Amino acid sequence: MSFIETKNLVKIYRVGNKKIYAVNNINLKINKNEMIILFGPSGSGKTTLLLLLGALIRPTSGKIFVDGNEITKLSESKAVEWRRKNIGFVFQKINLIDFLNVYDNVIVPLAPSNIKSAEVKKRALNLIEKVGLRDRINHKPSQLSVGEQQRVAIARALITNPRIVLADEPTSHLDSETGKEIVTLMKQLQKDLQITFVVSTHDPDLLSLADRRVRMRDGKVSILS
């Protein structure tokens, strides 16, 4: 079995009496420590699929397995704990906390943990260095460019040592050059840290950076390569 595998995955939203198939019978396999790019227009189901893979929402039907374990049958409390241990999220809206500096924004996900402060500091400084923001560590989000803010968000997603990072349109607010820099950074981090990245985008210029490309349209997928 692949590291991540979906079987006959369906997510239906209801609008009045109408059924909207956001995810329509998806069977997808993702290997460990690879970068997958989900490519497709807005409304194709990319975000819904990422939310399902991260156990943030439940499917209408079908199953998701991660490392051989079915996550779709986890209780809500178990799903929260599983996400905390396994998943890092990079959201389309960067969602940094305005009054915190770079360092404090990065360590936010560790607030409920029992990790020693020395280990927290070591992890944070290492990641801030890796995303190229060591000289901006005391800056607030308002003092950073949007590209730098997204770098902070990537470091924040990695601070818990996740096995999987799910990134939803991480370049949508960036110009094309900065967007490519951000995905190139993710690619480098994927190699360096041996993490599985699943990234959604509508930008065809980013496809060359993926290990494999998956097209989404109308809730269905097709493997490009």
N, C-alpha and C. Protein backbone atom coordinates (compact mmCIF):
# COMPACT_ATOMS: atom_id res chain seq x y z
N MET A 1 0.84 -1.19 0.00
CA MET A 1 0.00 0.00 0.00
C MET A 1 0.88 1.25 0.00
N SER A 2 0.47 2.27 -0.76
CA SER A 2 1.20 3.53 -0.79
C SER A 2 1.11 4.25 0.56
N PHE A 3 1.96 5.24 0.75
CA PHE A 3 1.98 5.98 2.01
C PHE A 3 0.62 6.63 2.26
N ILE A 4 0.08 7.29 1.24
CA ILE A 4 -1.28 7.84 1.31
C ILE A 4 -2.09 7.21 0.19
N GLU A 5 -3.27 6.73 0.52
CA GLU A 5 -4.11 6.10 -0.50
C GLU A 5 -5.58 6.41 -0.23
N THR A 6 -6.29 6.84 -1.25
CA THR A 6 -7.73 7.04 -1.14
C THR A 6 -8.44 5.97 -1.95
N LYS A 7 -9.57 5.52 -1.43
CA LYS A 7 -10.35 4.49 -2.11
C LYS A 7 -11.79 4.96 -2.27
N ASN A 8 -12.17 5.16 -3.53
CA ASN A 8 -13.54 5.55 -3.88
C ASN A 8 -14.01 6.74 -3.03
N LEU A 9 -13.16 7.75 -2.94
CA LEU A 9 -13.42 8.88 -2.05
C LEU A 9 -14.43 9.84 -2.67
N VAL A 10 -15.45 10.16 -1.88
CA VAL A 10 -16.54 11.04 -2.34
C VAL A 10 -16.84 12.06 -1.23
N LYS A 11 -16.97 13.32 -1.63
CA LYS A 11 -17.47 14.35 -0.72
C LYS A 11 -18.55 15.14 -1.45
N ILE A 12 -19.75 15.10 -0.88
CA ILE A 12 -20.90 15.78 -1.47
C ILE A 12 -21.33 16.92 -0.56
N TYR A 13 -21.51 18.09 -1.16
CA TYR A 13 -22.12 19.21 -0.46
C TYR A 13 -23.52 19.40 -1.02
N ARG A 14 -24.43 19.79 -0.18
CA ARG A 14 -25.81 20.01 -0.62
C ARG A 14 -26.13 21.50 -0.62
N VAL A 15 -26.63 21.96 -1.74
CA VAL A 15 -27.09 23.34 -1.87
C VAL A 15 -28.56 23.28 -2.23
N GLY A 16 -29.42 23.48 -1.21
CA GLY A 16 -30.84 23.26 -1.41
C GLY A 16 -31.08 21.79 -1.68
N ASN A 17 -31.72 21.49 -2.79
CA ASN A 17 -31.96 20.10 -3.17
C ASN A 17 -30.89 19.55 -4.11
N LYS A 18 -29.88 20.37 -4.38
CA LYS A 18 -28.87 19.98 -5.35
C LYS A 18 -27.65 19.37 -4.67
N LYS A 19 -27.11 18.29 -5.23
CA LYS A 19 -25.89 17.68 -4.74
C LYS A 19 -24.70 18.19 -5.55
N ILE A 20 -23.68 18.66 -4.83
CA ILE A 20 -22.44 19.10 -5.48
C ILE A 20 -21.34 18.09 -5.12
N TYR A 21 -20.81 17.42 -6.13
CA TYR A 21 -19.74 16.44 -5.91
C TYR A 21 -18.40 17.18 -5.93
N ALA A 22 -17.97 17.64 -4.76
CA ALA A 22 -16.68 18.34 -4.67
C ALA A 22 -15.53 17.38 -4.93
N VAL A 23 -15.67 16.15 -4.45
CA VAL A 23 -14.73 15.06 -4.72
C VAL A 23 -15.56 13.88 -5.18
N ASN A 24 -15.22 13.36 -6.35
CA ASN A 24 -16.10 12.39 -7.01
C ASN A 24 -15.36 11.09 -7.33
N ASN A 25 -15.42 10.15 -6.36
CA ASN A 25 -14.89 8.80 -6.55
C ASN A 25 -13.40 8.80 -6.90
N ILE A 26 -12.61 9.43 -6.03
CA ILE A 26 -11.17 9.55 -6.27
C ILE A 26 -10.43 8.36 -5.69
N ASN A 27 -9.60 7.76 -6.53
CA ASN A 27 -8.66 6.72 -6.11
C ASN A 27 -7.26 7.25 -6.43
N LEU A 28 -6.52 7.57 -5.40
CA LEU A 28 -5.24 8.24 -5.57
C LEU A 28 -4.21 7.62 -4.64
N LYS A 29 -2.99 7.42 -5.16
CA LYS A 29 -1.89 6.89 -4.35
C LYS A 29 -0.76 7.90 -4.35
N ILE A 30 -0.22 8.17 -3.17
CA ILE A 30 0.88 9.12 -3.00
C ILE A 30 2.00 8.41 -2.26
N ASN A 31 3.19 8.47 -2.82
CA ASN A 31 4.33 7.80 -2.22
C ASN A 31 4.93 8.62 -1.09
N LYS A 32 5.64 7.96 -0.22
CA LYS A 32 6.27 8.65 0.90
C LYS A 32 7.37 9.57 0.39
N ASN A 33 7.44 10.75 0.99
CA ASN A 33 8.51 11.73 0.74
C ASN A 33 8.58 12.20 -0.71
N GLU A 34 7.43 12.34 -1.36
CA GLU A 34 7.41 12.93 -2.69
C GLU A 34 6.56 14.20 -2.67
N MET A 35 6.75 15.02 -3.68
CA MET A 35 5.92 16.21 -3.83
C MET A 35 4.92 15.98 -4.95
N ILE A 36 3.65 16.05 -4.59
CA ILE A 36 2.55 15.95 -5.55
C ILE A 36 1.95 17.34 -5.73
N ILE A 37 1.72 17.74 -6.96
CA ILE A 37 0.99 18.97 -7.22
C ILE A 37 -0.37 18.63 -7.79
N LEU A 38 -1.42 19.11 -7.11
CA LEU A 38 -2.78 19.01 -7.60
C LEU A 38 -3.05 20.26 -8.44
N PHE A 39 -3.32 20.05 -9.71
CA PHE A 39 -3.45 21.15 -10.65
C PHE A 39 -4.86 21.20 -11.21
N GLY A 40 -5.46 22.39 -11.16
CA GLY A 40 -6.80 22.53 -11.71
C GLY A 40 -7.38 23.90 -11.40
N PRO A 41 -8.48 24.25 -12.07
CA PRO A 41 -9.09 25.57 -11.86
C PRO A 41 -9.80 25.65 -10.51
N SER A 42 -10.18 26.86 -10.13
CA SER A 42 -10.98 27.04 -8.92
C SER A 42 -12.27 26.24 -9.06
N GLY A 43 -12.67 25.60 -7.97
CA GLY A 43 -13.89 24.80 -7.99
C GLY A 43 -13.70 23.39 -8.47
N SER A 44 -12.45 22.98 -8.73
CA SER A 44 -12.21 21.63 -9.24
C SER A 44 -12.17 20.58 -8.15
N GLY A 45 -12.10 21.00 -6.88
CA GLY A 45 -12.09 20.06 -5.77
C GLY A 45 -10.77 19.94 -5.05
N LYS A 46 -9.79 20.77 -5.42
CA LYS A 46 -8.45 20.67 -4.84
C LYS A 46 -8.47 20.90 -3.33
N THR A 47 -9.11 21.99 -2.91
CA THR A 47 -9.14 22.32 -1.48
C THR A 47 -9.88 21.25 -0.69
N THR A 48 -10.99 20.78 -1.21
CA THR A 48 -11.76 19.75 -0.51
C THR A 48 -10.92 18.49 -0.34
N LEU A 49 -10.18 18.11 -1.38
CA LEU A 49 -9.34 16.92 -1.28
C LEU A 49 -8.27 17.10 -0.20
N LEU A 50 -7.66 18.28 -0.14
CA LEU A 50 -6.64 18.53 0.89
C LEU A 50 -7.25 18.46 2.29
N LEU A 51 -8.44 19.02 2.45
CA LEU A 51 -9.11 18.98 3.76
C LEU A 51 -9.42 17.54 4.17
N LEU A 52 -9.80 16.72 3.20
CA LEU A 52 -10.05 15.31 3.48
C LEU A 52 -8.76 14.59 3.87
N LEU A 53 -7.68 14.84 3.13
CA LEU A 53 -6.41 14.18 3.43
C LEU A 53 -5.89 14.58 4.80
N GLY A 54 -6.21 15.79 5.23
CA GLY A 54 -5.78 16.26 6.54
C GLY A 54 -6.74 15.95 7.67
N ALA A 55 -7.79 15.20 7.37
CA ALA A 55 -8.80 14.81 8.37
C ALA A 55 -9.46 16.03 9.02
N LEU A 56 -9.57 17.12 8.25
CA LEU A 56 -10.28 18.30 8.73
C LEU A 56 -11.77 18.20 8.45
N ILE A 57 -12.13 17.43 7.44
CA ILE A 57 -13.52 17.12 7.15
C ILE A 57 -13.63 15.63 6.87
N ARG A 58 -14.84 15.11 6.94
CA ARG A 58 -15.06 13.68 6.69
C ARG A 58 -15.67 13.48 5.31
N PRO A 59 -15.31 12.39 4.65
CA PRO A 59 -15.92 12.12 3.34
C PRO A 59 -17.37 11.67 3.47
N THR A 60 -18.11 11.86 2.42
CA THR A 60 -19.46 11.31 2.35
C THR A 60 -19.40 9.79 2.27
N SER A 61 -18.42 9.30 1.52
CA SER A 61 -18.17 7.86 1.44
C SER A 61 -16.73 7.66 0.98
N GLY A 62 -16.26 6.43 1.10
CA GLY A 62 -14.89 6.11 0.72
C GLY A 62 -13.96 6.13 1.92
N LYS A 63 -12.70 5.81 1.66
CA LYS A 63 -11.72 5.67 2.74
C LYS A 63 -10.41 6.37 2.38
N ILE A 64 -9.70 6.78 3.43
CA ILE A 64 -8.34 7.32 3.28
C ILE A 64 -7.42 6.55 4.22
N PHE A 65 -6.32 6.08 3.67
CA PHE A 65 -5.32 5.38 4.47
C PHE A 65 -4.02 6.19 4.45
N VAL A 66 -3.40 6.33 5.60
CA VAL A 66 -2.08 6.95 5.71
C VAL A 66 -1.17 5.97 6.43
N ASP A 67 -0.13 5.55 5.75
CA ASP A 67 0.80 4.56 6.29
C ASP A 67 0.08 3.31 6.78
N GLY A 68 -0.93 2.90 6.02
CA GLY A 68 -1.67 1.68 6.32
C GLY A 68 -2.79 1.83 7.30
N ASN A 69 -2.95 3.00 7.91
CA ASN A 69 -4.00 3.22 8.91
C ASN A 69 -5.14 4.04 8.31
N GLU A 70 -6.35 3.58 8.53
CA GLU A 70 -7.52 4.29 8.00
C GLU A 70 -7.85 5.49 8.89
N ILE A 71 -7.69 6.70 8.34
CA ILE A 71 -7.95 7.90 9.14
C ILE A 71 -9.41 8.32 9.09
N THR A 72 -10.15 7.79 8.14
CA THR A 72 -11.55 8.20 8.00
C THR A 72 -12.44 7.61 9.09
N LYS A 73 -11.94 6.67 9.86
CA LYS A 73 -12.76 6.11 10.93
C LYS A 73 -12.37 6.64 12.31
N LEU A 74 -11.45 7.62 12.35
CA LEU A 74 -11.04 8.19 13.63
C LEU A 74 -12.16 9.03 14.23
N SER A 75 -12.30 8.98 15.53
CA SER A 75 -13.23 9.89 16.22
C SER A 75 -12.69 11.31 16.09
N GLU A 76 -13.50 12.31 16.40
CA GLU A 76 -13.06 13.69 16.27
C GLU A 76 -11.84 13.97 17.14
N SER A 77 -11.86 13.48 18.38
CA SER A 77 -10.73 13.73 19.28
C SER A 77 -9.47 13.02 18.79
N LYS A 78 -9.63 11.81 18.27
CA LYS A 78 -8.48 11.08 17.73
C LYS A 78 -7.95 11.76 16.46
N ALA A 79 -8.87 12.31 15.67
CA ALA A 79 -8.45 13.01 14.45
C ALA A 79 -7.64 14.25 14.78
N VAL A 80 -8.03 14.97 15.82
CA VAL A 80 -7.28 16.15 16.26
C VAL A 80 -5.86 15.75 16.66
N GLU A 81 -5.74 14.70 17.43
CA GLU A 81 -4.44 14.23 17.87
C GLU A 81 -3.60 13.74 16.69
N TRP A 82 -4.24 13.03 15.75
CA TRP A 82 -3.53 12.54 14.57
C TRP A 82 -3.00 13.70 13.74
N ARG A 83 -3.84 14.73 13.53
CA ARG A 83 -3.39 15.91 12.77
C ARG A 83 -2.19 16.56 13.44
N ARG A 84 -2.26 16.70 14.75
CA ARG A 84 -1.19 17.39 15.48
C ARG A 84 0.15 16.67 15.29
N LYS A 85 0.11 15.35 15.21
CA LYS A 85 1.34 14.57 15.11
C LYS A 85 1.83 14.40 13.68
N ASN A 86 0.93 14.49 12.71
CA ASN A 86 1.28 14.07 11.35
C ASN A 86 1.20 15.13 10.27
N ILE A 87 0.41 16.18 10.47
CA ILE A 87 0.08 17.09 9.38
C ILE A 87 0.55 18.51 9.68
N GLY A 88 1.18 19.13 8.67
CA GLY A 88 1.44 20.57 8.68
C GLY A 88 0.61 21.21 7.57
N PHE A 89 0.00 22.33 7.85
CA PHE A 89 -0.86 23.00 6.88
C PHE A 89 -0.26 24.34 6.46
N VAL A 90 -0.29 24.61 5.16
CA VAL A 90 0.00 25.93 4.62
C VAL A 90 -1.26 26.38 3.90
N PHE A 91 -1.94 27.37 4.46
CA PHE A 91 -3.25 27.76 3.94
C PHE A 91 -3.12 28.85 2.88
N GLN A 92 -4.17 28.96 2.06
CA GLN A 92 -4.21 30.00 1.03
C GLN A 92 -4.15 31.38 1.67
N LYS A 93 -4.91 31.57 2.75
CA LYS A 93 -4.79 32.78 3.54
C LYS A 93 -3.71 32.51 4.59
N ILE A 94 -2.69 33.31 4.58
CA ILE A 94 -1.48 32.99 5.33
C ILE A 94 -1.74 32.91 6.83
N ASN A 95 -2.61 33.77 7.35
CA ASN A 95 -3.09 33.67 8.74
C ASN A 95 -2.00 33.78 9.79
N LEU A 96 -1.03 34.67 9.58
CA LEU A 96 -0.08 34.95 10.65
C LEU A 96 -0.75 35.84 11.70
N ILE A 97 -0.24 35.79 12.91
CA ILE A 97 -0.79 36.61 14.00
C ILE A 97 -0.07 37.95 13.99
N ASP A 98 -0.83 39.02 13.79
CA ASP A 98 -0.26 40.35 13.53
C ASP A 98 0.70 40.84 14.61
N PHE A 99 0.38 40.56 15.88
CA PHE A 99 1.17 41.16 16.96
C PHE A 99 2.35 40.29 17.38
N LEU A 100 2.55 39.14 16.70
CA LEU A 100 3.69 38.28 17.00
C LEU A 100 4.78 38.44 15.94
N ASN A 101 6.03 38.32 16.37
CA ASN A 101 7.13 38.38 15.41
C ASN A 101 7.31 37.04 14.70
N VAL A 102 8.28 36.96 13.81
CA VAL A 102 8.50 35.74 13.02
C VAL A 102 8.69 34.53 13.93
N TYR A 103 9.58 34.64 14.89
CA TYR A 103 9.87 33.51 15.79
C TYR A 103 8.60 33.03 16.49
N ASP A 104 7.85 33.95 17.07
CA ASP A 104 6.67 33.56 17.85
C ASP A 104 5.56 33.01 16.96
N ASN A 105 5.45 33.51 15.72
CA ASN A 105 4.47 32.93 14.79
C ASN A 105 4.83 31.49 14.45
N VAL A 106 6.12 31.23 14.28
CA VAL A 106 6.54 29.88 13.90
C VAL A 106 6.24 28.87 15.00
N ILE A 107 6.38 29.25 16.25
CA ILE A 107 6.23 28.27 17.34
C ILE A 107 4.79 28.13 17.83
N VAL A 108 3.86 28.88 17.26
CA VAL A 108 2.46 28.81 17.70
C VAL A 108 1.92 27.37 17.76
N PRO A 109 2.15 26.52 16.74
CA PRO A 109 1.58 25.16 16.80
C PRO A 109 2.09 24.30 17.96
N LEU A 110 3.21 24.71 18.58
CA LEU A 110 3.75 23.94 19.69
C LEU A 110 3.20 24.38 21.05
N ALA A 111 2.32 25.37 21.04
CA ALA A 111 1.78 25.89 22.30
C ALA A 111 1.15 24.82 23.18
N PRO A 112 0.39 23.84 22.62
CA PRO A 112 -0.21 22.84 23.50
C PRO A 112 0.69 21.65 23.81
N SER A 113 1.96 21.70 23.37
CA SER A 113 2.83 20.53 23.53
C SER A 113 3.64 20.61 24.82
N ASN A 114 4.27 19.48 25.16
CA ASN A 114 5.14 19.41 26.33
C ASN A 114 6.61 19.42 25.95
N ILE A 115 6.92 19.88 24.76
CA ILE A 115 8.30 19.91 24.29
C ILE A 115 9.09 20.97 25.07
N LYS A 116 10.29 20.62 25.46
CA LYS A 116 11.11 21.53 26.26
C LYS A 116 11.46 22.78 25.46
N SER A 117 11.58 23.90 26.17
CA SER A 117 11.79 25.19 25.52
C SER A 117 13.08 25.20 24.68
N ALA A 118 14.11 24.51 25.14
CA ALA A 118 15.36 24.47 24.38
C ALA A 118 15.16 23.78 23.03
N GLU A 119 14.36 22.72 23.01
CA GLU A 119 14.07 22.02 21.76
C GLU A 119 13.21 22.87 20.85
N VAL A 120 12.23 23.58 21.43
CA VAL A 120 11.39 24.49 20.64
C VAL A 120 12.26 25.54 19.96
N LYS A 121 13.16 26.14 20.71
CA LYS A 121 14.03 27.18 20.17
C LYS A 121 14.92 26.63 19.07
N LYS A 122 15.48 25.44 19.29
CA LYS A 122 16.35 24.82 18.30
C LYS A 122 15.60 24.57 17.00
N ARG A 123 14.40 23.99 17.11
CA ARG A 123 13.60 23.72 15.90
C ARG A 123 13.27 25.01 15.16
N ALA A 124 12.81 26.01 15.92
CA ALA A 124 12.36 27.26 15.30
C ALA A 124 13.51 27.96 14.59
N LEU A 125 14.64 28.08 15.23
CA LEU A 125 15.78 28.77 14.62
C LEU A 125 16.27 28.03 13.39
N ASN A 126 16.26 26.70 13.44
CA ASN A 126 16.67 25.90 12.30
C ASN A 126 15.74 26.14 11.10
N LEU A 127 14.45 26.14 11.35
CA LEU A 127 13.49 26.32 10.26
C LEU A 127 13.51 27.75 9.73
N ILE A 128 13.64 28.71 10.62
CA ILE A 128 13.70 30.11 10.17
C ILE A 128 14.92 30.32 9.29
N GLU A 129 16.02 29.65 9.66
CA GLU A 129 17.23 29.69 8.82
C GLU A 129 16.97 29.04 7.47
N LYS A 130 16.30 27.89 7.46
CA LYS A 130 16.04 27.15 6.22
C LYS A 130 15.15 27.93 5.26
N VAL A 131 14.21 28.71 5.79
CA VAL A 131 13.33 29.48 4.90
C VAL A 131 13.90 30.87 4.58
N GLY A 132 15.12 31.13 5.06
CA GLY A 132 15.83 32.35 4.66
C GLY A 132 15.41 33.61 5.38
N LEU A 133 14.97 33.48 6.63
CA LEU A 133 14.47 34.66 7.35
C LEU A 133 15.21 34.92 8.66
N ARG A 134 16.43 34.42 8.77
CA ARG A 134 17.17 34.59 10.04
C ARG A 134 17.32 36.06 10.40
N ASP A 135 17.52 36.92 9.41
CA ASP A 135 17.71 38.34 9.69
C ASP A 135 16.39 39.09 9.88
N ARG A 136 15.27 38.37 9.79
CA ARG A 136 13.94 39.00 9.96
C ARG A 136 13.22 38.43 11.18
N ILE A 137 13.94 37.74 12.02
CA ILE A 137 13.32 36.94 13.08
C ILE A 137 12.47 37.77 14.05
N ASN A 138 12.81 39.03 14.24
CA ASN A 138 12.06 39.88 15.17
C ASN A 138 11.04 40.77 14.49
N HIS A 139 10.85 40.59 13.19
CA HIS A 139 9.91 41.41 12.44
C HIS A 139 8.48 40.90 12.62
N LYS A 140 7.53 41.81 12.63
CA LYS A 140 6.11 41.47 12.64
C LYS A 140 5.65 41.25 11.19
N PRO A 141 4.51 40.58 10.99
CA PRO A 141 4.03 40.34 9.63
C PRO A 141 3.91 41.60 8.78
N SER A 142 3.50 42.71 9.38
CA SER A 142 3.34 43.96 8.63
C SER A 142 4.67 44.49 8.09
N GLN A 143 5.78 44.00 8.64
CA GLN A 143 7.10 44.44 8.21
C GLN A 143 7.71 43.50 7.17
N LEU A 144 6.94 42.51 6.76
CA LEU A 144 7.42 41.52 5.80
C LEU A 144 6.66 41.64 4.49
N SER A 145 7.31 41.23 3.40
CA SER A 145 6.60 41.11 2.13
C SER A 145 5.66 39.90 2.20
N VAL A 146 4.75 39.81 1.25
CA VAL A 146 3.83 38.67 1.24
C VAL A 146 4.60 37.36 1.05
N GLY A 147 5.63 37.39 0.21
CA GLY A 147 6.45 36.20 0.02
C GLY A 147 7.15 35.79 1.30
N GLU A 148 7.66 36.77 2.06
CA GLU A 148 8.30 36.46 3.34
C GLU A 148 7.28 35.92 4.35
N GLN A 149 6.08 36.47 4.33
CA GLN A 149 5.02 35.95 5.21
C GLN A 149 4.73 34.48 4.90
N GLN A 150 4.72 34.14 3.62
CA GLN A 150 4.46 32.75 3.26
C GLN A 150 5.60 31.85 3.70
N ARG A 151 6.82 32.35 3.70
CA ARG A 151 7.95 31.59 4.22
C ARG A 151 7.78 31.31 5.72
N VAL A 152 7.29 32.30 6.44
CA VAL A 152 6.99 32.10 7.87
C VAL A 152 5.94 31.00 8.03
N ALA A 153 4.91 31.05 7.18
CA ALA A 153 3.84 30.05 7.25
C ALA A 153 4.37 28.64 6.97
N ILE A 154 5.33 28.53 6.07
CA ILE A 154 5.92 27.23 5.78
C ILE A 154 6.70 26.72 6.99
N ALA A 155 7.50 27.59 7.60
CA ALA A 155 8.24 27.20 8.80
C ALA A 155 7.28 26.80 9.91
N ARG A 156 6.19 27.53 10.05
CA ARG A 156 5.17 27.21 11.06
C ARG A 156 4.58 25.82 10.81
N ALA A 157 4.35 25.48 9.54
CA ALA A 157 3.78 24.18 9.21
C ALA A 157 4.73 23.04 9.53
N LEU A 158 6.03 23.33 9.55
CA LEU A 158 7.04 22.29 9.75
C LEU A 158 7.48 22.14 11.20
N ILE A 159 7.10 23.06 12.07
CA ILE A 159 7.63 23.10 13.43
C ILE A 159 7.27 21.86 14.25
N THR A 160 6.18 21.18 13.91
CA THR A 160 5.77 19.99 14.67
C THR A 160 6.41 18.71 14.13
N ASN A 161 7.33 18.86 13.18
CA ASN A 161 7.95 17.68 12.54
C ASN A 161 6.91 16.77 11.90
N PRO A 162 6.03 17.32 11.06
CA PRO A 162 4.99 16.50 10.45
C PRO A 162 5.55 15.54 9.41
N ARG A 163 4.79 14.50 9.12
CA ARG A 163 5.19 13.59 8.05
C ARG A 163 4.62 14.06 6.71
N ILE A 164 3.58 14.89 6.77
CA ILE A 164 2.89 15.35 5.56
C ILE A 164 2.65 16.85 5.69
N VAL A 165 2.91 17.60 4.62
CA VAL A 165 2.53 19.01 4.55
C VAL A 165 1.51 19.17 3.42
N LEU A 166 0.39 19.78 3.75
CA LEU A 166 -0.66 20.06 2.78
C LEU A 166 -0.69 21.57 2.55
N ALA A 167 -0.46 21.99 1.32
CA ALA A 167 -0.39 23.41 0.99
C ALA A 167 -1.46 23.76 -0.03
N ASP A 168 -2.39 24.61 0.37
CA ASP A 168 -3.54 24.97 -0.48
C ASP A 168 -3.29 26.30 -1.17
N GLU A 169 -3.01 26.25 -2.47
CA GLU A 169 -2.77 27.45 -3.28
C GLU A 169 -1.80 28.41 -2.58
N PRO A 170 -0.61 27.94 -2.20
CA PRO A 170 0.30 28.78 -1.42
C PRO A 170 0.88 29.96 -2.19
N THR A 171 0.68 29.99 -3.51
CA THR A 171 1.24 31.08 -4.31
C THR A 171 0.17 32.01 -4.88
N SER A 172 -1.06 31.85 -4.45
CA SER A 172 -2.16 32.57 -5.09
C SER A 172 -2.08 34.09 -4.90
N HIS A 173 -1.41 34.54 -3.83
CA HIS A 173 -1.30 35.98 -3.57
C HIS A 173 0.05 36.54 -4.00
N LEU A 174 0.83 35.73 -4.72
CA LEU A 174 2.20 36.12 -5.06
C LEU A 174 2.34 36.34 -6.55
N ASP A 175 3.32 37.16 -6.93
CA ASP A 175 3.64 37.28 -8.35
C ASP A 175 4.31 35.98 -8.81
N SER A 176 4.40 35.78 -10.10
CA SER A 176 4.83 34.48 -10.63
C SER A 176 6.24 34.12 -10.19
N GLU A 177 7.14 35.09 -10.15
CA GLU A 177 8.52 34.80 -9.77
C GLU A 177 8.61 34.39 -8.29
N THR A 178 7.94 35.15 -7.43
CA THR A 178 7.96 34.82 -6.00
C THR A 178 7.26 33.50 -5.74
N GLY A 179 6.17 33.24 -6.46
CA GLY A 179 5.45 31.98 -6.32
C GLY A 179 6.34 30.79 -6.65
N LYS A 180 7.12 30.92 -7.72
CA LYS A 180 8.02 29.83 -8.08
C LYS A 180 9.10 29.65 -7.03
N GLU A 181 9.58 30.76 -6.45
CA GLU A 181 10.58 30.67 -5.37
C GLU A 181 10.01 29.91 -4.17
N ILE A 182 8.73 30.16 -3.85
CA ILE A 182 8.11 29.51 -2.69
C ILE A 182 7.99 28.00 -2.91
N VAL A 183 7.54 27.60 -4.09
CA VAL A 183 7.39 26.16 -4.36
C VAL A 183 8.76 25.50 -4.49
N THR A 184 9.73 26.21 -5.03
CA THR A 184 11.10 25.68 -5.08
C THR A 184 11.63 25.47 -3.67
N LEU A 185 11.33 26.40 -2.76
CA LEU A 185 11.71 26.24 -1.36
C LEU A 185 11.05 25.00 -0.76
N MET A 186 9.76 24.81 -1.03
CA MET A 186 9.06 23.62 -0.53
C MET A 186 9.72 22.35 -1.06
N LYS A 187 10.09 22.38 -2.33
CA LYS A 187 10.74 21.22 -2.93
C LYS A 187 12.05 20.91 -2.22
N GLN A 188 12.83 21.94 -1.92
CA GLN A 188 14.09 21.73 -1.23
C GLN A 188 13.87 21.19 0.18
N LEU A 189 12.87 21.73 0.87
CA LEU A 189 12.56 21.26 2.22
C LEU A 189 12.06 19.82 2.20
N GLN A 190 11.30 19.49 1.17
CA GLN A 190 10.81 18.11 1.03
C GLN A 190 11.98 17.14 0.93
N LYS A 191 13.00 17.52 0.17
CA LYS A 191 14.19 16.67 0.02
C LYS A 191 15.01 16.63 1.30
N ASP A 192 15.24 17.81 1.88
CA ASP A 192 16.11 17.90 3.06
C ASP A 192 15.51 17.20 4.28
N LEU A 193 14.19 17.37 4.47
CA LEU A 193 13.54 16.88 5.68
C LEU A 193 12.81 15.56 5.48
N GLN A 194 12.76 15.09 4.22
CA GLN A 194 12.09 13.82 3.91
C GLN A 194 10.63 13.85 4.37
N ILE A 195 9.88 14.79 3.79
CA ILE A 195 8.47 14.98 4.12
C ILE A 195 7.66 14.87 2.83
N THR A 196 6.46 14.35 2.95
CA THR A 196 5.55 14.29 1.81
C THR A 196 4.80 15.61 1.69
N PHE A 197 4.88 16.24 0.53
CA PHE A 197 4.18 17.49 0.26
C PHE A 197 3.06 17.24 -0.75
N VAL A 198 1.87 17.74 -0.45
CA VAL A 198 0.77 17.76 -1.41
C VAL A 198 0.37 19.22 -1.57
N VAL A 199 0.57 19.76 -2.76
CA VAL A 199 0.41 21.19 -3.01
C VAL A 199 -0.65 21.38 -4.09
N SER A 200 -1.61 22.27 -3.85
CA SER A 200 -2.60 22.57 -4.88
C SER A 200 -2.25 23.90 -5.55
N THR A 201 -2.53 23.99 -6.83
CA THR A 201 -2.28 25.23 -7.56
C THR A 201 -3.11 25.26 -8.83
N HIS A 202 -3.32 26.46 -9.35
CA HIS A 202 -3.91 26.60 -10.68
C HIS A 202 -2.87 27.15 -11.67
N ASP A 203 -1.63 27.26 -11.21
CA ASP A 203 -0.56 27.87 -12.00
C ASP A 203 0.23 26.79 -12.75
N PRO A 204 0.12 26.70 -14.06
CA PRO A 204 0.83 25.65 -14.81
C PRO A 204 2.34 25.80 -14.77
N ASP A 205 2.85 26.99 -14.46
CA ASP A 205 4.29 27.21 -14.43
C ASP A 205 4.97 26.48 -13.28
N LEU A 206 4.18 26.02 -12.30
CA LEU A 206 4.75 25.34 -11.13
C LEU A 206 4.83 23.83 -11.30
N LEU A 207 4.22 23.31 -12.36
CA LEU A 207 4.12 21.86 -12.51
C LEU A 207 5.47 21.16 -12.62
N SER A 208 6.44 21.85 -13.21
CA SER A 208 7.75 21.22 -13.42
C SER A 208 8.48 20.94 -12.11
N LEU A 209 8.03 21.54 -11.01
CA LEU A 209 8.70 21.37 -9.72
C LEU A 209 8.24 20.13 -8.97
N ALA A 210 7.18 19.49 -9.46
CA ALA A 210 6.61 18.34 -8.74
C ALA A 210 7.28 17.03 -9.14
N ASP A 211 7.24 16.07 -8.21
CA ASP A 211 7.64 14.70 -8.56
C ASP A 211 6.57 14.06 -9.44
N ARG A 212 5.30 14.35 -9.10
CA ARG A 212 4.17 13.90 -9.93
C ARG A 212 3.12 14.98 -9.95
N ARG A 213 2.37 15.01 -11.04
CA ARG A 213 1.33 16.01 -11.24
C ARG A 213 -0.01 15.32 -11.39
N VAL A 214 -1.02 15.86 -10.70
CA VAL A 214 -2.37 15.29 -10.74
C VAL A 214 -3.34 16.38 -11.14
N ARG A 215 -4.02 16.19 -12.26
CA ARG A 215 -5.01 17.18 -12.70
C ARG A 215 -6.35 16.91 -12.01
N MET A 216 -6.99 17.98 -11.54
CA MET A 216 -8.33 17.86 -10.97
C MET A 216 -9.31 18.69 -11.79
N ARG A 217 -10.47 18.10 -12.03
CA ARG A 217 -11.55 18.81 -12.73
C ARG A 217 -12.87 18.17 -12.32
N ASP A 218 -13.80 19.01 -11.89
CA ASP A 218 -15.13 18.55 -11.50
C ASP A 218 -15.08 17.42 -10.44
N GLY A 219 -14.12 17.56 -9.52
CA GLY A 219 -14.03 16.58 -8.43
C GLY A 219 -13.34 15.29 -8.77
N LYS A 220 -12.83 15.16 -9.99
CA LYS A 220 -12.16 13.93 -10.40
C LYS A 220 -10.69 14.21 -10.68
N VAL A 221 -9.90 13.15 -10.67
CA VAL A 221 -8.46 13.31 -10.91
C VAL A 221 -8.02 12.49 -12.11
N SER A 222 -6.95 12.97 -12.73
CA SER A 222 -6.25 12.21 -13.75
C SER A 222 -4.76 12.46 -13.56
N ILE A 223 -3.96 11.43 -13.67
CA ILE A 223 -2.52 11.55 -13.44
C ILE A 223 -1.86 12.09 -14.70
N LEU A 224 -1.18 13.21 -14.55
CA LEU A 224 -0.46 13.78 -15.70
C LEU A 224 0.88 13.08 -15.87
N SER A 225 1.55 12.82 -14.75
CA SER A 225 2.83 12.12 -14.80
C SER A 225 3.29 11.84 -13.38
